[in-house]
Amino acid sequence: MNPDRGLTSTSSSPDLDWSQVSETVRMLDLAIAQISMAMHEGEDSVESLSSSFTGMVGNVERISELVGAEDAPDGAANDAILEQCEQVRAGMQQSIVAFQFYDRLSQRLDHVREALGQLGGLVAEPARLYNPGEWHRLQQQIRQRYTLSGEQQMFDALLAGASVEQALLAAQQLPPAREEDNIELF
């Protein structure tokens, strides 16, 4: 993706060089910038929360070790503390899993951002714009980035002429990926 395509919007005062192609590319660049900004802001927040939860898990484990130590006094209070520690640990693990789903969302948005950039590059170059081979190459590059079968199914359905709604329905009807295959617990 060329960060500066030299395309300045002239839609407010069109001249003989005005082009809907350059306006389309400018709007694609806007979408890319918005996605990039949202991803950056989200990643900072999620990294901070994930780090905080990971630290809390370590603290709860240390409390459990102290309560369960050989020299710790026995009793119902210790058992209750250990039980509460386990419940807190389980809740934090669920939160960390939720953050990892955000990571998947971020990866998908990154794919969209890159695809829009590649599309903008193709549309901005007339020699490529009217070349079916360039469009096919772009489609293959985009499809290769998809790692989940649902994404590939959706892509294939759209290229086969399905509507967005039909493609989403087809992708959603695939069996869900097993959580343990996709989520790493800390």
N, C-alpha and C. Protein backbone atom coordinates (compact mmCIF):
# COMPACT_ATOMS: atom_id res chain seq x y z
N MET A 1 0.84 -1.17 0.00
CA MET A 1 0.00 0.00 0.00
C MET A 1 0.88 1.23 0.00
N ASN A 2 0.66 2.12 -0.93
CA ASN A 2 1.38 3.37 -1.02
C ASN A 2 0.73 4.38 -0.09
N PRO A 3 1.42 4.84 0.97
CA PRO A 3 0.79 5.72 1.93
C PRO A 3 0.39 7.07 1.35
N ASP A 4 1.07 7.55 0.33
CA ASP A 4 0.72 8.83 -0.27
C ASP A 4 0.51 8.60 -1.76
N ARG A 5 -0.73 8.50 -2.15
CA ARG A 5 -1.05 8.23 -3.55
C ARG A 5 -1.14 9.52 -4.36
N GLY A 6 -1.01 10.66 -3.68
CA GLY A 6 -1.08 11.92 -4.39
C GLY A 6 -2.48 12.23 -4.89
N LEU A 7 -3.48 11.73 -4.23
CA LEU A 7 -4.86 11.94 -4.65
C LEU A 7 -5.53 12.92 -3.71
N THR A 8 -5.72 14.14 -4.16
CA THR A 8 -6.39 15.15 -3.37
C THR A 8 -7.82 15.26 -3.84
N SER A 9 -8.74 15.27 -2.89
CA SER A 9 -10.15 15.37 -3.25
C SER A 9 -10.44 16.72 -3.88
N THR A 10 -11.11 16.69 -5.02
CA THR A 10 -11.53 17.92 -5.69
C THR A 10 -13.04 17.93 -5.87
N SER A 11 -13.75 17.12 -5.06
CA SER A 11 -15.20 17.02 -5.23
C SER A 11 -15.92 18.32 -4.91
N SER A 12 -15.34 19.17 -4.03
CA SER A 12 -16.00 20.43 -3.70
C SER A 12 -15.87 21.46 -4.82
N SER A 13 -14.84 21.31 -5.67
CA SER A 13 -14.67 22.21 -6.81
C SER A 13 -14.09 21.40 -7.97
N PRO A 14 -14.92 20.54 -8.58
CA PRO A 14 -14.41 19.67 -9.64
C PRO A 14 -13.90 20.45 -10.85
N ASP A 15 -12.86 19.88 -11.45
CA ASP A 15 -12.33 20.45 -12.68
C ASP A 15 -12.32 19.34 -13.73
N LEU A 16 -11.64 19.53 -14.81
CA LEU A 16 -11.63 18.54 -15.88
C LEU A 16 -10.91 17.26 -15.48
N ASP A 17 -10.05 17.33 -14.47
CA ASP A 17 -9.31 16.16 -14.02
C ASP A 17 -10.04 15.38 -12.92
N TRP A 18 -11.23 15.85 -12.53
CA TRP A 18 -11.96 15.18 -11.45
C TRP A 18 -12.22 13.73 -11.83
N SER A 19 -12.09 12.83 -10.84
CA SER A 19 -12.26 11.41 -11.11
C SER A 19 -12.95 10.73 -9.94
N GLN A 20 -13.96 9.96 -10.26
CA GLN A 20 -14.64 9.18 -9.22
C GLN A 20 -13.70 8.11 -8.67
N VAL A 21 -12.73 7.69 -9.45
CA VAL A 21 -11.76 6.70 -8.98
C VAL A 21 -10.93 7.29 -7.85
N SER A 22 -10.39 8.50 -8.04
CA SER A 22 -9.58 9.09 -6.98
C SER A 22 -10.42 9.38 -5.75
N GLU A 23 -11.68 9.73 -5.92
CA GLU A 23 -12.57 9.95 -4.77
C GLU A 23 -12.83 8.62 -4.05
N THR A 24 -12.98 7.54 -4.79
CA THR A 24 -13.17 6.21 -4.19
C THR A 24 -11.94 5.81 -3.39
N VAL A 25 -10.77 6.01 -3.97
CA VAL A 25 -9.52 5.68 -3.28
C VAL A 25 -9.41 6.50 -2.00
N ARG A 26 -9.75 7.78 -2.05
CA ARG A 26 -9.67 8.65 -0.88
C ARG A 26 -10.61 8.11 0.22
N MET A 27 -11.79 7.65 -0.13
CA MET A 27 -12.73 7.11 0.85
C MET A 27 -12.24 5.77 1.41
N LEU A 28 -11.59 4.97 0.58
CA LEU A 28 -10.98 3.73 1.07
C LEU A 28 -9.87 4.04 2.07
N ASP A 29 -9.07 5.06 1.77
CA ASP A 29 -8.01 5.46 2.69
C ASP A 29 -8.60 5.94 4.02
N LEU A 30 -9.73 6.63 3.97
CA LEU A 30 -10.39 7.07 5.19
C LEU A 30 -10.82 5.87 6.03
N ALA A 31 -11.41 4.87 5.39
CA ALA A 31 -11.82 3.65 6.11
C ALA A 31 -10.62 2.95 6.73
N ILE A 32 -9.53 2.89 6.01
CA ILE A 32 -8.30 2.27 6.52
C ILE A 32 -7.80 3.02 7.75
N ALA A 33 -7.80 4.33 7.68
CA ALA A 33 -7.32 5.15 8.80
C ALA A 33 -8.22 4.96 10.03
N GLN A 34 -9.52 4.90 9.82
CA GLN A 34 -10.44 4.71 10.94
C GLN A 34 -10.24 3.35 11.59
N ILE A 35 -10.09 2.33 10.79
CA ILE A 35 -9.86 0.98 11.32
C ILE A 35 -8.54 0.94 12.09
N SER A 36 -7.51 1.53 11.52
CA SER A 36 -6.20 1.54 12.17
C SER A 36 -6.27 2.25 13.52
N MET A 37 -6.94 3.38 13.58
CA MET A 37 -7.05 4.13 14.83
C MET A 37 -7.81 3.32 15.87
N ALA A 38 -8.92 2.71 15.48
CA ALA A 38 -9.72 1.92 16.42
C ALA A 38 -8.93 0.72 16.94
N MET A 39 -8.19 0.07 16.06
CA MET A 39 -7.38 -1.08 16.47
C MET A 39 -6.30 -0.67 17.45
N HIS A 40 -5.65 0.45 17.18
CA HIS A 40 -4.57 0.92 18.06
C HIS A 40 -5.11 1.24 19.45
N GLU A 41 -6.22 1.96 19.51
CA GLU A 41 -6.81 2.32 20.80
C GLU A 41 -7.27 1.08 21.55
N GLY A 42 -7.89 0.14 20.85
CA GLY A 42 -8.35 -1.09 21.49
C GLY A 42 -7.22 -1.96 21.99
N GLU A 43 -6.16 -2.06 21.21
CA GLU A 43 -5.02 -2.90 21.60
C GLU A 43 -4.37 -2.39 22.88
N ASP A 44 -4.24 -1.07 23.02
CA ASP A 44 -3.65 -0.52 24.23
C ASP A 44 -4.48 -0.89 25.45
N SER A 45 -5.79 -0.74 25.36
CA SER A 45 -6.67 -1.05 26.48
C SER A 45 -6.65 -2.52 26.82
N VAL A 46 -6.72 -3.36 25.82
CA VAL A 46 -6.76 -4.80 26.06
C VAL A 46 -5.42 -5.29 26.63
N GLU A 47 -4.32 -4.76 26.13
CA GLU A 47 -3.02 -5.16 26.67
C GLU A 47 -2.92 -4.79 28.15
N SER A 48 -3.40 -3.62 28.51
CA SER A 48 -3.36 -3.17 29.90
C SER A 48 -4.25 -4.07 30.77
N LEU A 49 -5.46 -4.34 30.32
CA LEU A 49 -6.36 -5.19 31.09
C LEU A 49 -5.83 -6.61 31.20
N SER A 50 -5.31 -7.14 30.13
CA SER A 50 -4.78 -8.50 30.14
C SER A 50 -3.61 -8.61 31.10
N SER A 51 -2.73 -7.63 31.07
CA SER A 51 -1.59 -7.63 31.97
C SER A 51 -2.04 -7.53 33.42
N SER A 52 -3.04 -6.72 33.65
CA SER A 52 -3.57 -6.56 35.01
C SER A 52 -4.18 -7.87 35.51
N PHE A 53 -4.98 -8.52 34.67
CA PHE A 53 -5.58 -9.79 35.06
C PHE A 53 -4.53 -10.88 35.28
N THR A 54 -3.52 -10.89 34.44
CA THR A 54 -2.46 -11.88 34.60
C THR A 54 -1.74 -11.66 35.94
N GLY A 55 -1.50 -10.41 36.28
CA GLY A 55 -0.89 -10.10 37.57
C GLY A 55 -1.77 -10.53 38.74
N MET A 56 -3.07 -10.31 38.60
CA MET A 56 -3.99 -10.71 39.67
C MET A 56 -4.02 -12.23 39.83
N VAL A 57 -3.94 -12.95 38.72
CA VAL A 57 -3.89 -14.41 38.81
C VAL A 57 -2.66 -14.83 39.62
N GLY A 58 -1.53 -14.20 39.36
CA GLY A 58 -0.32 -14.50 40.11
C GLY A 58 -0.48 -14.19 41.60
N ASN A 59 -1.13 -13.08 41.93
CA ASN A 59 -1.37 -12.73 43.33
C ASN A 59 -2.27 -13.75 44.02
N VAL A 60 -3.33 -14.16 43.34
CA VAL A 60 -4.24 -15.15 43.92
C VAL A 60 -3.52 -16.48 44.12
N GLU A 61 -2.68 -16.85 43.18
CA GLU A 61 -1.93 -18.10 43.33
C GLU A 61 -0.98 -18.01 44.53
N ARG A 62 -0.37 -16.85 44.72
CA ARG A 62 0.53 -16.67 45.87
C ARG A 62 -0.26 -16.76 47.18
N ILE A 63 -1.43 -16.15 47.25
CA ILE A 63 -2.28 -16.25 48.45
C ILE A 63 -2.63 -17.71 48.72
N SER A 64 -2.98 -18.42 47.65
CA SER A 64 -3.31 -19.85 47.80
C SER A 64 -2.12 -20.62 48.36
N GLU A 65 -0.93 -20.32 47.86
CA GLU A 65 0.28 -21.00 48.35
C GLU A 65 0.51 -20.70 49.82
N LEU A 66 0.33 -19.45 50.21
CA LEU A 66 0.54 -19.06 51.61
C LEU A 66 -0.46 -19.73 52.54
N VAL A 67 -1.72 -19.77 52.13
CA VAL A 67 -2.76 -20.39 52.95
C VAL A 67 -2.56 -21.90 53.01
N GLY A 68 -2.09 -22.47 51.94
CA GLY A 68 -1.91 -23.92 51.88
C GLY A 68 -0.56 -24.40 52.38
N ALA A 69 0.30 -23.49 52.80
CA ALA A 69 1.64 -23.87 53.26
C ALA A 69 1.55 -24.75 54.51
N GLU A 70 2.58 -25.57 54.68
CA GLU A 70 2.61 -26.50 55.81
C GLU A 70 2.52 -25.78 57.15
N ASP A 71 3.10 -24.61 57.26
CA ASP A 71 3.10 -23.92 58.54
C ASP A 71 1.88 -23.01 58.73
N ALA A 72 0.95 -22.98 57.75
CA ALA A 72 -0.26 -22.19 57.90
C ALA A 72 -1.22 -22.91 58.84
N PRO A 73 -1.94 -22.16 59.67
CA PRO A 73 -2.88 -22.81 60.57
C PRO A 73 -4.02 -23.46 59.79
N ASP A 74 -4.46 -24.63 60.25
CA ASP A 74 -5.57 -25.33 59.61
C ASP A 74 -6.88 -24.67 60.03
N GLY A 75 -7.91 -24.96 59.24
CA GLY A 75 -9.21 -24.48 59.67
C GLY A 75 -10.11 -24.15 58.52
N ALA A 76 -11.34 -23.86 58.91
CA ALA A 76 -12.38 -23.54 57.94
C ALA A 76 -12.06 -22.24 57.21
N ALA A 77 -11.42 -21.29 57.89
CA ALA A 77 -11.10 -20.02 57.25
C ALA A 77 -10.15 -20.23 56.08
N ASN A 78 -9.13 -21.07 56.28
CA ASN A 78 -8.19 -21.35 55.20
C ASN A 78 -8.89 -22.02 54.02
N ASP A 79 -9.78 -22.97 54.32
CA ASP A 79 -10.52 -23.65 53.26
C ASP A 79 -11.39 -22.65 52.49
N ALA A 80 -12.01 -21.73 53.20
CA ALA A 80 -12.85 -20.72 52.55
C ALA A 80 -12.01 -19.79 51.68
N ILE A 81 -10.83 -19.41 52.18
CA ILE A 81 -9.93 -18.54 51.40
C ILE A 81 -9.48 -19.25 50.14
N LEU A 82 -9.11 -20.52 50.27
CA LEU A 82 -8.68 -21.29 49.09
C LEU A 82 -9.81 -21.41 48.07
N GLU A 83 -11.02 -21.62 48.56
CA GLU A 83 -12.18 -21.74 47.65
C GLU A 83 -12.42 -20.41 46.93
N GLN A 84 -12.33 -19.30 47.65
CA GLN A 84 -12.51 -17.99 47.03
C GLN A 84 -11.39 -17.70 46.02
N CYS A 85 -10.18 -18.08 46.37
CA CYS A 85 -9.06 -17.90 45.44
C CYS A 85 -9.32 -18.66 44.14
N GLU A 86 -9.82 -19.85 44.24
CA GLU A 86 -10.09 -20.65 43.04
C GLU A 86 -11.20 -20.01 42.20
N GLN A 87 -12.22 -19.47 42.84
CA GLN A 87 -13.30 -18.81 42.10
C GLN A 87 -12.80 -17.54 41.41
N VAL A 88 -11.96 -16.77 42.11
CA VAL A 88 -11.39 -15.57 41.50
C VAL A 88 -10.49 -15.95 40.32
N ARG A 89 -9.68 -16.98 40.49
CA ARG A 89 -8.79 -17.44 39.43
C ARG A 89 -9.60 -17.86 38.20
N ALA A 90 -10.68 -18.60 38.43
CA ALA A 90 -11.52 -19.05 37.30
C ALA A 90 -12.15 -17.86 36.59
N GLY A 91 -12.62 -16.87 37.34
CA GLY A 91 -13.21 -15.69 36.73
C GLY A 91 -12.21 -14.90 35.90
N MET A 92 -11.00 -14.79 36.42
CA MET A 92 -9.96 -14.07 35.67
C MET A 92 -9.57 -14.82 34.41
N GLN A 93 -9.53 -16.15 34.47
CA GLN A 93 -9.21 -16.94 33.27
C GLN A 93 -10.28 -16.70 32.21
N GLN A 94 -11.56 -16.64 32.61
CA GLN A 94 -12.62 -16.37 31.65
C GLN A 94 -12.45 -14.99 31.02
N SER A 95 -12.03 -14.02 31.83
CA SER A 95 -11.80 -12.67 31.31
C SER A 95 -10.66 -12.66 30.31
N ILE A 96 -9.61 -13.38 30.60
CA ILE A 96 -8.46 -13.45 29.69
C ILE A 96 -8.87 -14.10 28.37
N VAL A 97 -9.72 -15.12 28.43
CA VAL A 97 -10.23 -15.75 27.20
C VAL A 97 -11.02 -14.73 26.39
N ALA A 98 -11.83 -13.91 27.07
CA ALA A 98 -12.60 -12.88 26.36
C ALA A 98 -11.66 -11.89 25.68
N PHE A 99 -10.55 -11.53 26.31
CA PHE A 99 -9.58 -10.64 25.68
C PHE A 99 -8.98 -11.28 24.44
N GLN A 100 -8.80 -12.58 24.47
CA GLN A 100 -8.22 -13.26 23.32
C GLN A 100 -9.21 -13.29 22.15
N PHE A 101 -10.51 -13.26 22.43
CA PHE A 101 -11.47 -13.14 21.35
C PHE A 101 -11.35 -11.75 20.71
N TYR A 102 -11.03 -10.75 21.52
CA TYR A 102 -10.78 -9.43 20.97
C TYR A 102 -9.60 -9.49 20.00
N ASP A 103 -8.60 -10.27 20.34
CA ASP A 103 -7.44 -10.41 19.46
C ASP A 103 -7.87 -10.95 18.10
N ARG A 104 -8.79 -11.90 18.09
CA ARG A 104 -9.30 -12.42 16.81
C ARG A 104 -10.02 -11.31 16.04
N LEU A 105 -10.81 -10.50 16.74
CA LEU A 105 -11.48 -9.38 16.10
C LEU A 105 -10.46 -8.43 15.51
N SER A 106 -9.42 -8.15 16.26
CA SER A 106 -8.37 -7.25 15.79
C SER A 106 -7.70 -7.81 14.53
N GLN A 107 -7.46 -9.11 14.50
CA GLN A 107 -6.86 -9.73 13.32
C GLN A 107 -7.77 -9.59 12.11
N ARG A 108 -9.08 -9.77 12.32
CA ARG A 108 -10.03 -9.63 11.20
C ARG A 108 -10.04 -8.20 10.69
N LEU A 109 -10.05 -7.24 11.61
CA LEU A 109 -10.03 -5.84 11.18
C LEU A 109 -8.73 -5.51 10.44
N ASP A 110 -7.64 -6.10 10.87
CA ASP A 110 -6.37 -5.90 10.18
C ASP A 110 -6.45 -6.46 8.76
N HIS A 111 -7.11 -7.61 8.59
CA HIS A 111 -7.30 -8.16 7.24
C HIS A 111 -8.12 -7.20 6.39
N VAL A 112 -9.17 -6.63 6.97
CA VAL A 112 -10.01 -5.68 6.23
C VAL A 112 -9.19 -4.45 5.85
N ARG A 113 -8.42 -3.94 6.78
CA ARG A 113 -7.60 -2.76 6.54
C ARG A 113 -6.62 -3.03 5.38
N GLU A 114 -5.96 -4.17 5.43
CA GLU A 114 -5.00 -4.48 4.37
C GLU A 114 -5.70 -4.71 3.02
N ALA A 115 -6.85 -5.36 3.04
CA ALA A 115 -7.58 -5.59 1.80
C ALA A 115 -8.05 -4.28 1.19
N LEU A 116 -8.53 -3.37 2.03
CA LEU A 116 -8.94 -2.06 1.52
C LEU A 116 -7.76 -1.31 0.93
N GLY A 117 -6.61 -1.42 1.58
CA GLY A 117 -5.41 -0.77 1.05
C GLY A 117 -5.00 -1.34 -0.30
N GLN A 118 -5.06 -2.66 -0.40
CA GLN A 118 -4.72 -3.30 -1.68
C GLN A 118 -5.73 -2.93 -2.76
N LEU A 119 -7.00 -2.87 -2.39
CA LEU A 119 -8.04 -2.48 -3.35
C LEU A 119 -7.81 -1.04 -3.80
N GLY A 120 -7.52 -0.16 -2.85
CA GLY A 120 -7.24 1.23 -3.21
C GLY A 120 -6.07 1.35 -4.16
N GLY A 121 -5.02 0.55 -3.92
CA GLY A 121 -3.87 0.56 -4.81
C GLY A 121 -4.23 0.11 -6.21
N LEU A 122 -5.07 -0.90 -6.30
CA LEU A 122 -5.49 -1.40 -7.62
C LEU A 122 -6.34 -0.37 -8.34
N VAL A 123 -7.31 0.21 -7.64
CA VAL A 123 -8.22 1.17 -8.26
C VAL A 123 -7.48 2.44 -8.68
N ALA A 124 -6.43 2.81 -7.95
CA ALA A 124 -5.69 4.04 -8.25
C ALA A 124 -4.82 3.94 -9.50
N GLU A 125 -4.56 2.72 -9.96
CA GLU A 125 -3.68 2.53 -11.12
C GLU A 125 -4.49 2.03 -12.32
N PRO A 126 -4.76 2.90 -13.30
CA PRO A 126 -5.59 2.50 -14.44
C PRO A 126 -5.10 1.25 -15.15
N ALA A 127 -3.80 1.04 -15.22
CA ALA A 127 -3.27 -0.14 -15.91
C ALA A 127 -3.70 -1.42 -15.19
N ARG A 128 -3.83 -1.36 -13.89
CA ARG A 128 -4.27 -2.51 -13.11
C ARG A 128 -5.79 -2.57 -13.01
N LEU A 129 -6.42 -1.41 -12.93
CA LEU A 129 -7.87 -1.33 -12.73
C LEU A 129 -8.65 -2.11 -13.79
N TYR A 130 -8.22 -2.04 -15.00
CA TYR A 130 -8.94 -2.68 -16.10
C TYR A 130 -8.36 -4.03 -16.50
N ASN A 131 -7.53 -4.61 -15.65
CA ASN A 131 -6.89 -5.88 -15.93
C ASN A 131 -7.51 -6.97 -15.06
N PRO A 132 -8.30 -7.89 -15.64
CA PRO A 132 -8.93 -8.95 -14.84
C PRO A 132 -7.92 -9.80 -14.07
N GLY A 133 -6.73 -9.98 -14.62
CA GLY A 133 -5.70 -10.75 -13.93
C GLY A 133 -5.29 -10.09 -12.61
N GLU A 134 -5.24 -8.77 -12.61
CA GLU A 134 -4.90 -8.03 -11.38
C GLU A 134 -6.01 -8.22 -10.33
N TRP A 135 -7.25 -8.20 -10.76
CA TRP A 135 -8.36 -8.42 -9.83
C TRP A 135 -8.31 -9.83 -9.26
N HIS A 136 -8.03 -10.79 -10.12
CA HIS A 136 -7.93 -12.18 -9.64
C HIS A 136 -6.77 -12.33 -8.65
N ARG A 137 -5.66 -11.71 -8.95
CA ARG A 137 -4.49 -11.77 -8.05
C ARG A 137 -4.84 -11.14 -6.69
N LEU A 138 -5.52 -10.00 -6.73
CA LEU A 138 -5.95 -9.34 -5.49
C LEU A 138 -6.87 -10.26 -4.69
N GLN A 139 -7.82 -10.88 -5.36
CA GLN A 139 -8.75 -11.78 -4.66
C GLN A 139 -8.02 -12.95 -4.03
N GLN A 140 -7.06 -13.51 -4.73
CA GLN A 140 -6.31 -14.64 -4.18
C GLN A 140 -5.44 -14.22 -3.00
N GLN A 141 -4.85 -13.03 -3.08
CA GLN A 141 -4.05 -12.53 -1.96
C GLN A 141 -4.92 -12.33 -0.72
N ILE A 142 -6.09 -11.79 -0.92
CA ILE A 142 -7.01 -11.56 0.21
C ILE A 142 -7.44 -12.89 0.80
N ARG A 143 -7.84 -13.84 -0.04
CA ARG A 143 -8.33 -15.12 0.46
C ARG A 143 -7.25 -15.88 1.24
N GLN A 144 -6.01 -15.79 0.79
CA GLN A 144 -4.92 -16.50 1.45
C GLN A 144 -4.68 -16.00 2.88
N ARG A 145 -5.07 -14.79 3.16
CA ARG A 145 -4.88 -14.25 4.51
C ARG A 145 -5.88 -14.85 5.51
N TYR A 146 -6.98 -15.38 5.01
CA TYR A 146 -8.01 -15.93 5.91
C TYR A 146 -7.55 -17.29 6.44
N THR A 147 -7.59 -17.43 7.76
CA THR A 147 -7.15 -18.68 8.38
C THR A 147 -8.32 -19.51 8.89
N LEU A 148 -9.47 -18.90 9.11
CA LEU A 148 -10.63 -19.65 9.60
C LEU A 148 -11.50 -20.09 8.43
N SER A 149 -12.04 -21.29 8.54
CA SER A 149 -12.86 -21.82 7.43
C SER A 149 -14.09 -20.96 7.20
N GLY A 150 -14.65 -20.35 8.24
CA GLY A 150 -15.82 -19.49 8.07
C GLY A 150 -15.51 -18.28 7.21
N GLU A 151 -14.33 -17.71 7.39
CA GLU A 151 -13.93 -16.56 6.57
C GLU A 151 -13.75 -16.98 5.11
N GLN A 152 -13.14 -18.13 4.90
CA GLN A 152 -12.95 -18.62 3.54
C GLN A 152 -14.29 -18.93 2.88
N GLN A 153 -15.21 -19.53 3.64
CA GLN A 153 -16.55 -19.85 3.13
C GLN A 153 -17.27 -18.56 2.72
N MET A 154 -17.18 -17.55 3.56
CA MET A 154 -17.84 -16.28 3.28
C MET A 154 -17.24 -15.65 2.01
N PHE A 155 -15.92 -15.64 1.90
CA PHE A 155 -15.24 -15.07 0.74
C PHE A 155 -15.67 -15.79 -0.54
N ASP A 156 -15.63 -17.12 -0.49
CA ASP A 156 -16.01 -17.92 -1.67
C ASP A 156 -17.46 -17.67 -2.07
N ALA A 157 -18.34 -17.57 -1.08
CA ALA A 157 -19.75 -17.33 -1.39
C ALA A 157 -19.95 -15.97 -2.05
N LEU A 158 -19.27 -14.95 -1.54
CA LEU A 158 -19.40 -13.62 -2.14
C LEU A 158 -18.88 -13.59 -3.56
N LEU A 159 -17.75 -14.25 -3.82
CA LEU A 159 -17.22 -14.28 -5.19
C LEU A 159 -18.11 -15.09 -6.12
N ALA A 160 -18.88 -16.03 -5.55
CA ALA A 160 -19.78 -16.84 -6.36
C ALA A 160 -21.11 -16.12 -6.61
N GLY A 161 -21.25 -14.88 -6.07
CA GLY A 161 -22.44 -14.09 -6.35
C GLY A 161 -23.45 -14.01 -5.22
N ALA A 162 -23.14 -14.57 -4.08
CA ALA A 162 -24.07 -14.50 -2.94
C ALA A 162 -24.13 -13.07 -2.42
N SER A 163 -25.26 -12.74 -1.79
CA SER A 163 -25.37 -11.44 -1.13
C SER A 163 -24.57 -11.51 0.18
N VAL A 164 -24.35 -10.37 0.80
CA VAL A 164 -23.63 -10.34 2.07
C VAL A 164 -24.37 -11.19 3.10
N GLU A 165 -25.70 -11.04 3.14
CA GLU A 165 -26.50 -11.80 4.10
C GLU A 165 -26.37 -13.31 3.87
N GLN A 166 -26.40 -13.73 2.62
CA GLN A 166 -26.27 -15.16 2.29
C GLN A 166 -24.88 -15.67 2.66
N ALA A 167 -23.86 -14.89 2.39
CA ALA A 167 -22.49 -15.31 2.71
C ALA A 167 -22.29 -15.43 4.22
N LEU A 168 -22.83 -14.48 4.98
CA LEU A 168 -22.73 -14.54 6.44
C LEU A 168 -23.47 -15.75 6.98
N LEU A 169 -24.65 -16.02 6.44
CA LEU A 169 -25.42 -17.18 6.88
C LEU A 169 -24.67 -18.48 6.60
N ALA A 170 -24.07 -18.58 5.42
CA ALA A 170 -23.30 -19.79 5.08
C ALA A 170 -22.12 -19.96 6.03
N ALA A 171 -21.43 -18.87 6.36
CA ALA A 171 -20.28 -18.95 7.26
C ALA A 171 -20.71 -19.31 8.67
N GLN A 172 -21.85 -18.80 9.10
CA GLN A 172 -22.34 -19.07 10.45
C GLN A 172 -22.85 -20.49 10.61
N GLN A 173 -23.20 -21.14 9.53
CA GLN A 173 -23.72 -22.51 9.61
C GLN A 173 -22.62 -23.55 9.71
N LEU A 174 -21.37 -23.13 9.55
CA LEU A 174 -20.26 -24.07 9.73
C LEU A 174 -20.14 -24.41 11.21
N PRO A 175 -19.70 -25.62 11.52
CA PRO A 175 -19.51 -25.94 12.95
C PRO A 175 -18.48 -25.00 13.56
N PRO A 176 -18.75 -24.52 14.80
CA PRO A 176 -17.80 -23.60 15.40
C PRO A 176 -16.47 -24.27 15.69
N ALA A 177 -15.41 -23.47 15.60
CA ALA A 177 -14.08 -23.98 15.94
C ALA A 177 -14.05 -24.26 17.43
N ARG A 178 -13.34 -25.31 17.81
CA ARG A 178 -13.24 -25.66 19.22
C ARG A 178 -12.43 -24.58 19.93
N GLU A 179 -12.93 -24.14 21.09
CA GLU A 179 -12.26 -23.08 21.84
C GLU A 179 -10.83 -23.44 22.18
N GLU A 180 -10.61 -24.69 22.58
CA GLU A 180 -9.26 -25.04 23.03
C GLU A 180 -8.26 -25.02 21.88
N ASP A 181 -8.75 -25.07 20.64
CA ASP A 181 -7.85 -24.99 19.49
C ASP A 181 -7.40 -23.55 19.22
N ASN A 182 -8.19 -22.58 19.68
CA ASN A 182 -7.95 -21.20 19.31
C ASN A 182 -7.57 -20.29 20.46
N ILE A 183 -7.76 -20.73 21.70
CA ILE A 183 -7.56 -19.87 22.84
C ILE A 183 -6.43 -20.42 23.70
N GLU A 184 -5.51 -19.53 24.05
CA GLU A 184 -4.39 -19.91 24.90
C GLU A 184 -4.63 -19.37 26.30
N LEU A 185 -4.67 -20.24 27.29
CA LEU A 185 -4.85 -19.80 28.66
C LEU A 185 -3.51 -19.48 29.28
N PHE A 186 -3.49 -18.51 30.16
CA PHE A 186 -2.25 -18.09 30.81
C PHE A 186 -2.03 -18.91 32.05
